[in-house]
Amino acid sequence: DRKDVVFANSGDAGYSADENIMQDDFENKVDQIENNTYNSDDVVIMGRTPKVLQDIGFNSLPVAMTKKHIYSVAVSEARAKNEGRYKQNTNYHDLGFNTVKQIYNKISDPLMVIAHLDFTNKESRDSTHRVIALVDLSVNNKQVIAPIVVDYESIYNKNLIDINLVSTYFNKNSNLDKLLDNKKTEQL
């Protein structure tokens, strides 16, 4: 029963079609997360699913990230401990808050998208719903990737909404060819 689900394209999800306004709002919330003044457990919406991802089968939903992942992508483990915000079993990537602010723009123009052959199959909620966007951003001479969970359900403004969730954003240490060899992929 999905009668209580608020769909992004219904206009009730609380964001404007103006990408600049959404980017400004996202950057403001990233600043609040950095300053530990963002007091919501809602996902942080970056914008609508970019056309390049819609063209391969993504639904036109908000693209979002959790505040926990925004923080862990931006800071080092040492900084998290120093600020008293360290969480055990969390991977800290130390890419910086300015890098986090670029995520939406980078996934809107990826170098490559790696997806399971049936990632649009909505019957199950497993790894077939994960897509990796390889973006043009080199941090410490390492390529950055953005795993995306397709059609994820989350809370926003006390409503259950469907989103495409950027589950993290991190340096990829291994050789890209090795990554491609280990995945069932099709050039999209």
N, C-alpha and C. Protein backbone atom coordinates (compact mmCIF):
# COMPACT_ATOMS: atom_id res chain seq x y z
N ASP A 1 0.84 -1.18 0.00
CA ASP A 1 0.00 0.00 0.00
C ASP A 1 0.88 1.24 0.00
N ARG A 2 0.81 2.02 -1.05
CA ARG A 2 1.66 3.20 -1.18
C ARG A 2 0.85 4.49 -1.16
N LYS A 3 -0.32 4.48 -0.52
CA LYS A 3 -1.17 5.68 -0.52
C LYS A 3 -0.54 6.85 0.22
N ASP A 4 0.37 6.58 1.16
CA ASP A 4 1.01 7.65 1.92
C ASP A 4 2.35 8.09 1.35
N VAL A 5 2.74 7.53 0.21
CA VAL A 5 4.02 7.88 -0.41
C VAL A 5 3.84 9.19 -1.18
N VAL A 6 4.78 10.11 -0.99
CA VAL A 6 4.79 11.36 -1.74
C VAL A 6 5.80 11.20 -2.84
N PHE A 7 5.37 11.34 -4.07
CA PHE A 7 6.27 11.19 -5.20
C PHE A 7 6.83 12.54 -5.60
N ALA A 8 8.10 12.55 -5.98
CA ALA A 8 8.79 13.79 -6.27
C ALA A 8 8.13 14.57 -7.40
N ASN A 9 7.66 13.88 -8.41
CA ASN A 9 7.09 14.60 -9.53
C ASN A 9 5.69 15.12 -9.26
N SER A 10 5.16 14.88 -8.07
CA SER A 10 3.85 15.41 -7.72
C SER A 10 3.94 16.85 -7.25
N GLY A 11 5.14 17.35 -7.04
CA GLY A 11 5.33 18.72 -6.58
C GLY A 11 5.29 18.85 -5.08
N ASP A 12 5.08 17.77 -4.34
CA ASP A 12 4.96 17.84 -2.89
C ASP A 12 6.25 17.55 -2.15
N ALA A 13 7.33 17.26 -2.86
CA ALA A 13 8.55 16.84 -2.20
C ALA A 13 9.38 18.00 -1.68
N GLY A 14 8.98 19.23 -1.93
CA GLY A 14 9.62 20.37 -1.30
C GLY A 14 10.84 20.89 -2.02
N TYR A 15 10.93 20.74 -3.33
CA TYR A 15 12.04 21.35 -4.03
C TYR A 15 11.58 21.95 -5.34
N SER A 16 12.32 22.89 -5.82
CA SER A 16 11.99 23.63 -7.03
C SER A 16 12.66 23.00 -8.24
N ALA A 17 12.12 23.25 -9.41
CA ALA A 17 12.74 22.77 -10.64
C ALA A 17 13.99 23.58 -10.97
N ASP A 18 14.18 24.70 -10.34
CA ASP A 18 15.34 25.54 -10.60
C ASP A 18 16.58 24.90 -9.98
N GLU A 19 17.45 24.37 -10.84
CA GLU A 19 18.65 23.65 -10.36
C GLU A 19 19.57 24.54 -9.53
N ASN A 20 19.65 25.83 -9.85
CA ASN A 20 20.52 26.72 -9.08
C ASN A 20 20.03 26.86 -7.64
N ILE A 21 18.70 26.96 -7.47
CA ILE A 21 18.15 27.05 -6.12
C ILE A 21 18.43 25.76 -5.36
N MET A 22 18.26 24.63 -6.04
CA MET A 22 18.52 23.35 -5.38
C MET A 22 19.99 23.22 -5.02
N GLN A 23 20.90 23.65 -5.90
CA GLN A 23 22.32 23.57 -5.61
C GLN A 23 22.67 24.47 -4.43
N ASP A 24 22.11 25.69 -4.41
CA ASP A 24 22.36 26.61 -3.29
C ASP A 24 21.86 26.02 -1.98
N ASP A 25 20.67 25.42 -2.02
CA ASP A 25 20.10 24.80 -0.82
C ASP A 25 20.97 23.63 -0.36
N PHE A 26 21.42 22.81 -1.31
CA PHE A 26 22.29 21.68 -0.99
C PHE A 26 23.59 22.17 -0.35
N GLU A 27 24.22 23.17 -0.94
CA GLU A 27 25.47 23.70 -0.39
C GLU A 27 25.26 24.28 1.00
N ASN A 28 24.15 24.96 1.22
CA ASN A 28 23.82 25.50 2.54
C ASN A 28 23.73 24.36 3.56
N LYS A 29 23.06 23.28 3.19
CA LYS A 29 22.91 22.15 4.11
C LYS A 29 24.25 21.45 4.35
N VAL A 30 25.10 21.38 3.34
CA VAL A 30 26.44 20.82 3.53
C VAL A 30 27.22 21.66 4.53
N ASP A 31 27.10 22.98 4.42
CA ASP A 31 27.76 23.87 5.39
C ASP A 31 27.22 23.62 6.80
N GLN A 32 25.91 23.43 6.93
CA GLN A 32 25.32 23.14 8.23
C GLN A 32 25.83 21.81 8.78
N ILE A 33 25.98 20.82 7.92
CA ILE A 33 26.51 19.52 8.37
C ILE A 33 27.94 19.68 8.83
N GLU A 34 28.73 20.45 8.10
CA GLU A 34 30.12 20.69 8.51
C GLU A 34 30.16 21.38 9.87
N ASN A 35 29.27 22.34 10.10
CA ASN A 35 29.25 23.09 11.36
C ASN A 35 28.45 22.41 12.46
N ASN A 36 27.92 21.22 12.15
CA ASN A 36 27.12 20.41 13.09
C ASN A 36 25.87 21.16 13.56
N THR A 37 25.27 21.92 12.62
CA THR A 37 24.03 22.64 12.94
C THR A 37 22.85 22.14 12.12
N TYR A 38 23.05 21.12 11.31
CA TYR A 38 21.95 20.53 10.53
C TYR A 38 21.25 19.54 11.44
N ASN A 39 20.06 19.88 11.87
CA ASN A 39 19.38 19.11 12.92
C ASN A 39 18.25 18.23 12.40
N SER A 40 18.36 17.77 11.18
CA SER A 40 17.33 16.92 10.60
C SER A 40 17.91 15.55 10.26
N ASP A 41 17.07 14.54 10.31
CA ASP A 41 17.49 13.22 9.86
C ASP A 41 17.01 12.95 8.44
N ASP A 42 16.37 13.95 7.82
CA ASP A 42 15.94 13.82 6.42
C ASP A 42 17.15 13.67 5.52
N VAL A 43 16.92 13.03 4.36
CA VAL A 43 17.97 13.01 3.36
C VAL A 43 18.17 14.44 2.87
N VAL A 44 19.34 14.71 2.32
CA VAL A 44 19.66 16.02 1.78
C VAL A 44 19.54 15.93 0.27
N ILE A 45 18.60 16.64 -0.30
CA ILE A 45 18.34 16.58 -1.73
C ILE A 45 19.29 17.50 -2.48
N MET A 46 19.91 16.93 -3.54
CA MET A 46 20.85 17.67 -4.38
C MET A 46 20.18 18.28 -5.60
N GLY A 47 19.23 17.54 -6.16
CA GLY A 47 18.56 17.97 -7.39
C GLY A 47 17.77 16.81 -7.95
N ARG A 48 17.24 16.99 -9.14
CA ARG A 48 16.54 15.89 -9.84
C ARG A 48 17.56 14.98 -10.51
N THR A 49 17.15 13.78 -10.76
CA THR A 49 18.02 12.83 -11.45
C THR A 49 18.45 13.45 -12.78
N PRO A 50 19.77 13.52 -13.01
CA PRO A 50 20.27 14.12 -14.26
C PRO A 50 19.78 13.36 -15.49
N LYS A 51 19.63 14.08 -16.58
CA LYS A 51 19.14 13.50 -17.83
C LYS A 51 19.98 12.31 -18.28
N VAL A 52 21.28 12.39 -18.13
CA VAL A 52 22.15 11.30 -18.57
C VAL A 52 21.78 9.99 -17.86
N LEU A 53 21.37 10.07 -16.61
CA LEU A 53 20.96 8.87 -15.88
C LEU A 53 19.52 8.47 -16.23
N GLN A 54 18.67 9.46 -16.50
CA GLN A 54 17.31 9.14 -16.94
C GLN A 54 17.34 8.42 -18.29
N ASP A 55 18.27 8.81 -19.14
CA ASP A 55 18.39 8.21 -20.47
C ASP A 55 18.73 6.72 -20.42
N ILE A 56 19.32 6.26 -19.31
CA ILE A 56 19.65 4.83 -19.21
C ILE A 56 18.66 4.06 -18.35
N GLY A 57 17.59 4.74 -17.88
CA GLY A 57 16.55 4.01 -17.18
C GLY A 57 16.20 4.48 -15.79
N PHE A 58 16.90 5.47 -15.26
CA PHE A 58 16.54 5.99 -13.95
C PHE A 58 15.22 6.73 -14.04
N ASN A 59 14.44 6.68 -12.99
CA ASN A 59 13.23 7.49 -12.89
C ASN A 59 13.62 8.92 -12.54
N SER A 60 12.79 9.88 -12.91
CA SER A 60 13.04 11.28 -12.60
C SER A 60 12.65 11.54 -11.15
N LEU A 61 13.57 11.25 -10.26
CA LEU A 61 13.36 11.40 -8.83
C LEU A 61 14.40 12.35 -8.26
N PRO A 62 14.20 12.80 -7.03
CA PRO A 62 15.27 13.58 -6.40
C PRO A 62 16.52 12.71 -6.23
N VAL A 63 17.67 13.34 -6.35
CA VAL A 63 18.94 12.69 -6.01
C VAL A 63 19.31 13.22 -4.64
N ALA A 64 19.62 12.31 -3.73
CA ALA A 64 19.86 12.73 -2.35
C ALA A 64 21.00 11.95 -1.73
N MET A 65 21.41 12.41 -0.57
CA MET A 65 22.46 11.78 0.21
C MET A 65 22.11 11.98 1.69
N THR A 66 22.52 11.08 2.53
CA THR A 66 22.26 11.25 3.96
C THR A 66 23.30 12.18 4.57
N LYS A 67 22.94 12.83 5.68
CA LYS A 67 23.92 13.71 6.34
C LYS A 67 25.11 12.92 6.86
N LYS A 68 24.87 11.67 7.28
CA LYS A 68 25.96 10.81 7.76
C LYS A 68 26.99 10.60 6.65
N HIS A 69 26.51 10.32 5.44
CA HIS A 69 27.44 10.08 4.34
C HIS A 69 28.11 11.37 3.85
N ILE A 70 27.39 12.47 3.89
CA ILE A 70 28.03 13.74 3.53
C ILE A 70 29.20 14.00 4.45
N TYR A 71 29.00 13.82 5.74
CA TYR A 71 30.07 14.06 6.71
C TYR A 71 31.21 13.06 6.52
N SER A 72 30.90 11.79 6.38
CA SER A 72 31.98 10.79 6.29
C SER A 72 32.76 10.89 4.98
N VAL A 73 32.13 11.36 3.93
CA VAL A 73 32.85 11.58 2.67
C VAL A 73 33.81 12.76 2.83
N ALA A 74 33.39 13.78 3.56
CA ALA A 74 34.15 15.03 3.63
C ALA A 74 35.34 14.99 4.58
N VAL A 75 35.25 14.27 5.70
CA VAL A 75 36.29 14.38 6.73
C VAL A 75 37.10 13.10 6.87
N SER A 76 38.22 13.25 7.54
CA SER A 76 39.06 12.10 7.87
C SER A 76 38.59 11.49 9.19
N GLU A 77 39.02 10.29 9.43
CA GLU A 77 38.71 9.64 10.71
C GLU A 77 39.26 10.47 11.87
N ALA A 78 40.47 11.00 11.69
CA ALA A 78 41.08 11.81 12.75
C ALA A 78 40.25 13.06 13.04
N ARG A 79 39.77 13.71 11.99
CA ARG A 79 38.94 14.91 12.21
C ARG A 79 37.64 14.54 12.92
N ALA A 80 37.00 13.45 12.50
CA ALA A 80 35.75 13.03 13.14
C ALA A 80 35.98 12.77 14.63
N LYS A 81 37.09 12.12 14.97
CA LYS A 81 37.41 11.86 16.38
C LYS A 81 37.67 13.16 17.12
N ASN A 82 38.43 14.06 16.49
CA ASN A 82 38.76 15.34 17.09
C ASN A 82 37.50 16.18 17.37
N GLU A 83 36.51 16.08 16.49
CA GLU A 83 35.27 16.84 16.65
C GLU A 83 34.24 16.11 17.51
N GLY A 84 34.58 14.90 17.97
CA GLY A 84 33.64 14.14 18.78
C GLY A 84 32.47 13.59 17.99
N ARG A 85 32.65 13.43 16.67
CA ARG A 85 31.57 12.97 15.80
C ARG A 85 31.91 11.62 15.15
N TYR A 86 32.92 10.95 15.68
CA TYR A 86 33.35 9.67 15.13
C TYR A 86 32.31 8.58 15.40
N LYS A 87 32.04 7.78 14.38
CA LYS A 87 31.14 6.63 14.50
C LYS A 87 31.92 5.39 14.09
N GLN A 88 31.92 4.40 14.95
CA GLN A 88 32.61 3.15 14.66
C GLN A 88 31.98 2.50 13.42
N ASN A 89 32.76 1.76 12.68
CA ASN A 89 32.34 1.07 11.45
C ASN A 89 31.90 2.02 10.34
N THR A 90 32.44 3.23 10.35
CA THR A 90 32.18 4.20 9.29
C THR A 90 33.47 4.42 8.53
N ASN A 91 33.37 4.46 7.21
CA ASN A 91 34.54 4.76 6.37
C ASN A 91 34.60 6.27 6.15
N TYR A 92 35.70 6.88 6.54
CA TYR A 92 35.91 8.31 6.35
C TYR A 92 36.83 8.49 5.15
N HIS A 93 36.43 9.37 4.21
CA HIS A 93 37.15 9.47 2.94
C HIS A 93 37.99 10.73 2.80
N ASP A 94 37.78 11.75 3.64
CA ASP A 94 38.62 12.95 3.67
C ASP A 94 38.70 13.67 2.32
N LEU A 95 37.57 13.80 1.61
CA LEU A 95 37.57 14.49 0.33
C LEU A 95 37.28 15.98 0.47
N GLY A 96 36.80 16.40 1.62
CA GLY A 96 36.52 17.81 1.85
C GLY A 96 35.09 18.19 1.52
N PHE A 97 34.59 19.20 2.20
CA PHE A 97 33.21 19.64 2.01
C PHE A 97 33.01 20.31 0.65
N ASN A 98 34.04 20.98 0.13
CA ASN A 98 33.91 21.57 -1.21
C ASN A 98 33.74 20.49 -2.28
N THR A 99 34.40 19.36 -2.10
CA THR A 99 34.23 18.25 -3.03
C THR A 99 32.81 17.71 -2.94
N VAL A 100 32.28 17.59 -1.74
CA VAL A 100 30.90 17.11 -1.57
C VAL A 100 29.94 18.02 -2.32
N LYS A 101 30.17 19.31 -2.28
CA LYS A 101 29.28 20.26 -2.95
C LYS A 101 29.27 20.08 -4.46
N GLN A 102 30.28 19.42 -5.02
CA GLN A 102 30.39 19.19 -6.46
C GLN A 102 29.75 17.88 -6.92
N ILE A 103 29.30 17.05 -6.00
CA ILE A 103 28.82 15.71 -6.35
C ILE A 103 27.73 15.75 -7.42
N TYR A 104 26.71 16.55 -7.22
CA TYR A 104 25.59 16.56 -8.17
C TYR A 104 26.06 16.95 -9.57
N ASN A 105 26.87 17.99 -9.65
CA ASN A 105 27.37 18.41 -10.96
C ASN A 105 28.22 17.32 -11.61
N LYS A 106 28.98 16.61 -10.81
CA LYS A 106 29.84 15.56 -11.35
C LYS A 106 29.04 14.34 -11.83
N ILE A 107 28.02 13.94 -11.07
CA ILE A 107 27.23 12.79 -11.54
C ILE A 107 26.31 13.18 -12.70
N SER A 108 26.13 14.48 -12.92
CA SER A 108 25.34 14.94 -14.07
C SER A 108 26.13 14.84 -15.36
N ASP A 109 27.43 14.71 -15.26
CA ASP A 109 28.30 14.59 -16.42
C ASP A 109 29.39 13.55 -16.14
N PRO A 110 28.99 12.28 -15.95
CA PRO A 110 29.97 11.26 -15.57
C PRO A 110 30.86 10.84 -16.74
N LEU A 111 32.03 10.34 -16.42
CA LEU A 111 32.89 9.75 -17.44
C LEU A 111 32.32 8.42 -17.91
N MET A 112 31.72 7.70 -16.97
CA MET A 112 31.21 6.37 -17.25
C MET A 112 30.18 6.01 -16.19
N VAL A 113 29.20 5.22 -16.58
CA VAL A 113 28.23 4.68 -15.63
C VAL A 113 28.30 3.17 -15.73
N ILE A 114 28.50 2.52 -14.60
CA ILE A 114 28.58 1.07 -14.55
C ILE A 114 27.33 0.58 -13.83
N ALA A 115 26.58 -0.26 -14.52
CA ALA A 115 25.31 -0.74 -13.95
C ALA A 115 25.17 -2.22 -14.20
N HIS A 116 24.51 -2.90 -13.27
CA HIS A 116 24.16 -4.29 -13.48
C HIS A 116 23.20 -4.35 -14.66
N LEU A 117 23.24 -5.41 -15.44
CA LEU A 117 22.44 -5.50 -16.65
C LEU A 117 20.95 -5.31 -16.41
N ASP A 118 20.45 -5.72 -15.25
CA ASP A 118 19.01 -5.56 -14.99
C ASP A 118 18.74 -4.62 -13.81
N PHE A 119 19.51 -3.54 -13.74
CA PHE A 119 19.36 -2.64 -12.59
C PHE A 119 17.99 -1.98 -12.54
N THR A 120 17.26 -1.91 -13.64
CA THR A 120 15.93 -1.30 -13.62
C THR A 120 14.84 -2.27 -13.20
N ASN A 121 15.18 -3.53 -12.95
CA ASN A 121 14.20 -4.52 -12.49
C ASN A 121 13.79 -4.17 -11.06
N LYS A 122 12.53 -3.83 -10.88
CA LYS A 122 12.05 -3.35 -9.57
C LYS A 122 11.55 -4.47 -8.67
N GLU A 123 11.69 -5.74 -9.10
CA GLU A 123 11.16 -6.86 -8.33
C GLU A 123 11.93 -7.11 -7.04
N SER A 124 13.21 -6.82 -7.02
CA SER A 124 14.00 -7.09 -5.82
C SER A 124 14.79 -5.85 -5.42
N ARG A 125 15.19 -5.77 -4.17
CA ARG A 125 15.97 -4.64 -3.67
C ARG A 125 17.35 -5.13 -3.26
N ASP A 126 18.15 -5.50 -4.24
CA ASP A 126 19.50 -5.97 -3.92
C ASP A 126 20.51 -5.24 -4.79
N SER A 127 21.65 -5.83 -5.02
CA SER A 127 22.72 -5.15 -5.74
C SER A 127 22.35 -4.80 -7.17
N THR A 128 21.29 -5.38 -7.71
CA THR A 128 20.89 -5.01 -9.07
C THR A 128 20.41 -3.57 -9.12
N HIS A 129 20.15 -2.97 -7.97
CA HIS A 129 19.69 -1.59 -7.93
C HIS A 129 20.83 -0.62 -7.66
N ARG A 130 22.04 -1.10 -7.76
CA ARG A 130 23.19 -0.23 -7.52
C ARG A 130 23.88 0.09 -8.84
N VAL A 131 24.20 1.35 -8.99
CA VAL A 131 24.85 1.85 -10.18
C VAL A 131 26.06 2.64 -9.71
N ILE A 132 27.14 2.58 -10.46
CA ILE A 132 28.33 3.36 -10.11
C ILE A 132 28.57 4.38 -11.20
N ALA A 133 28.66 5.65 -10.80
CA ALA A 133 29.02 6.72 -11.72
C ALA A 133 30.49 7.05 -11.48
N LEU A 134 31.29 6.92 -12.51
CA LEU A 134 32.70 7.29 -12.46
C LEU A 134 32.77 8.74 -12.91
N VAL A 135 33.26 9.62 -12.05
CA VAL A 135 33.21 11.05 -12.35
C VAL A 135 34.60 11.62 -12.60
N ASP A 136 34.61 12.74 -13.27
CA ASP A 136 35.85 13.42 -13.62
C ASP A 136 36.28 14.32 -12.46
N LEU A 137 36.85 13.72 -11.46
CA LEU A 137 37.34 14.45 -10.30
C LEU A 137 38.45 13.62 -9.70
N SER A 138 39.62 14.13 -9.73
CA SER A 138 40.74 13.39 -9.17
C SER A 138 41.12 14.04 -7.84
N VAL A 139 41.08 13.27 -6.78
CA VAL A 139 41.46 13.74 -5.46
C VAL A 139 42.65 12.91 -5.02
N ASN A 140 43.74 13.57 -4.69
CA ASN A 140 44.98 12.87 -4.30
C ASN A 140 45.38 11.84 -5.35
N ASN A 141 45.24 12.21 -6.63
CA ASN A 141 45.60 11.36 -7.76
C ASN A 141 44.85 10.04 -7.81
N LYS A 142 43.64 9.99 -7.28
CA LYS A 142 42.80 8.79 -7.32
C LYS A 142 41.46 9.16 -7.94
N GLN A 143 40.93 8.27 -8.75
CA GLN A 143 39.63 8.52 -9.38
C GLN A 143 38.54 8.41 -8.33
N VAL A 144 37.48 9.18 -8.48
CA VAL A 144 36.37 9.17 -7.54
C VAL A 144 35.16 8.49 -8.18
N ILE A 145 34.46 7.67 -7.39
CA ILE A 145 33.26 7.02 -7.86
C ILE A 145 32.10 7.34 -6.93
N ALA A 146 30.89 7.26 -7.49
CA ALA A 146 29.68 7.56 -6.72
C ALA A 146 28.69 6.40 -6.88
N PRO A 147 28.64 5.47 -5.93
CA PRO A 147 27.61 4.43 -5.99
C PRO A 147 26.23 5.02 -5.73
N ILE A 148 25.26 4.64 -6.54
CA ILE A 148 23.91 5.18 -6.43
C ILE A 148 22.93 4.03 -6.26
N VAL A 149 22.09 4.13 -5.26
CA VAL A 149 21.03 3.16 -5.05
C VAL A 149 19.79 3.69 -5.77
N VAL A 150 19.29 2.93 -6.74
CA VAL A 150 18.20 3.35 -7.60
C VAL A 150 16.85 3.12 -6.91
N ASP A 151 15.96 4.10 -7.01
CA ASP A 151 14.59 4.01 -6.48
C ASP A 151 14.56 3.59 -5.01
N TYR A 152 15.28 4.30 -4.20
CA TYR A 152 15.38 4.04 -2.76
C TYR A 152 14.25 4.80 -2.05
N GLU A 153 13.68 4.21 -1.04
CA GLU A 153 12.64 4.88 -0.26
C GLU A 153 13.26 5.49 0.99
N SER A 154 12.95 6.77 1.24
CA SER A 154 13.51 7.46 2.39
C SER A 154 12.50 8.48 2.91
N ILE A 155 12.86 9.09 4.03
CA ILE A 155 12.00 10.08 4.68
C ILE A 155 12.47 11.49 4.31
N TYR A 156 11.51 12.33 3.94
CA TYR A 156 11.77 13.74 3.69
C TYR A 156 10.54 14.52 4.14
N ASN A 157 10.74 15.49 5.00
CA ASN A 157 9.62 16.27 5.57
C ASN A 157 8.52 15.37 6.12
N LYS A 158 8.93 14.36 6.85
CA LYS A 158 8.03 13.41 7.52
C LYS A 158 7.18 12.60 6.55
N ASN A 159 7.59 12.53 5.29
CA ASN A 159 6.89 11.73 4.30
C ASN A 159 7.86 10.72 3.70
N LEU A 160 7.33 9.59 3.30
CA LEU A 160 8.11 8.58 2.60
C LEU A 160 8.15 8.97 1.12
N ILE A 161 9.36 9.12 0.58
CA ILE A 161 9.49 9.48 -0.83
C ILE A 161 10.45 8.52 -1.51
N ASP A 162 10.35 8.42 -2.82
CA ASP A 162 11.30 7.67 -3.63
C ASP A 162 12.40 8.62 -4.07
N ILE A 163 13.64 8.16 -3.97
CA ILE A 163 14.80 8.96 -4.37
C ILE A 163 15.81 8.05 -5.06
N ASN A 164 16.78 8.66 -5.72
CA ASN A 164 17.98 7.96 -6.15
C ASN A 164 19.06 8.42 -5.17
N LEU A 165 19.53 7.48 -4.36
CA LEU A 165 20.41 7.80 -3.23
C LEU A 165 21.88 7.61 -3.59
N VAL A 166 22.65 8.70 -3.49
CA VAL A 166 24.10 8.59 -3.60
C VAL A 166 24.55 8.04 -2.26
N SER A 167 24.93 6.76 -2.25
CA SER A 167 25.19 6.10 -0.97
C SER A 167 26.54 6.47 -0.38
N THR A 168 27.46 6.92 -1.19
CA THR A 168 28.76 7.43 -0.73
C THR A 168 29.46 8.04 -1.93
N TYR A 169 30.69 8.47 -1.74
CA TYR A 169 31.47 9.12 -2.79
C TYR A 169 32.91 8.97 -2.34
N PHE A 170 33.72 8.23 -3.08
CA PHE A 170 35.05 7.96 -2.55
C PHE A 170 36.08 7.71 -3.63
N ASN A 171 37.35 7.82 -3.22
CA ASN A 171 38.48 7.50 -4.09
C ASN A 171 38.44 6.02 -4.42
N LYS A 172 38.71 5.70 -5.65
CA LYS A 172 38.82 4.30 -6.04
C LYS A 172 40.29 4.01 -6.25
N ASN A 173 40.87 3.23 -5.32
CA ASN A 173 42.30 2.95 -5.37
C ASN A 173 42.68 1.96 -6.46
N SER A 174 41.82 1.00 -6.73
CA SER A 174 42.20 -0.06 -7.65
C SER A 174 42.10 0.37 -9.10
N ASN A 175 42.69 -0.39 -9.93
CA ASN A 175 42.70 -0.16 -11.36
C ASN A 175 41.28 -0.28 -11.90
N LEU A 176 40.85 0.68 -12.72
CA LEU A 176 39.50 0.67 -13.26
C LEU A 176 39.25 -0.58 -14.10
N ASP A 177 40.24 -1.03 -14.86
CA ASP A 177 40.06 -2.25 -15.66
C ASP A 177 39.72 -3.44 -14.79
N LYS A 178 40.34 -3.52 -13.62
CA LYS A 178 40.06 -4.61 -12.69
C LYS A 178 38.62 -4.52 -12.19
N LEU A 179 38.16 -3.30 -11.89
CA LEU A 179 36.79 -3.10 -11.46
C LEU A 179 35.81 -3.56 -12.53
N LEU A 180 36.08 -3.19 -13.78
CA LEU A 180 35.19 -3.58 -14.87
C LEU A 180 35.20 -5.08 -15.10
N ASP A 181 36.34 -5.74 -14.94
CA ASP A 181 36.43 -7.19 -15.12
C ASP A 181 35.60 -7.93 -14.09
N ASN A 182 35.43 -7.35 -12.91
CA ASN A 182 34.73 -8.04 -11.83
C ASN A 182 33.23 -7.77 -11.83
N LYS A 183 32.71 -7.01 -12.75
CA LYS A 183 31.29 -6.68 -12.78
C LYS A 183 30.69 -7.16 -14.09
N LYS A 184 29.42 -7.55 -14.03
CA LYS A 184 28.69 -7.82 -15.25
C LYS A 184 28.20 -6.47 -15.73
N THR A 185 28.78 -5.97 -16.79
CA THR A 185 28.43 -4.64 -17.25
C THR A 185 28.11 -4.66 -18.74
N GLU A 186 27.44 -3.66 -19.15
CA GLU A 186 27.14 -3.45 -20.56
C GLU A 186 27.36 -1.98 -20.81
N GLN A 187 28.02 -1.65 -21.91
CA GLN A 187 28.24 -0.25 -22.20
C GLN A 187 26.90 0.39 -22.49
N LEU A 188 26.60 1.45 -21.74
CA LEU A 188 25.29 2.11 -21.87
C LEU A 188 25.40 3.33 -22.73
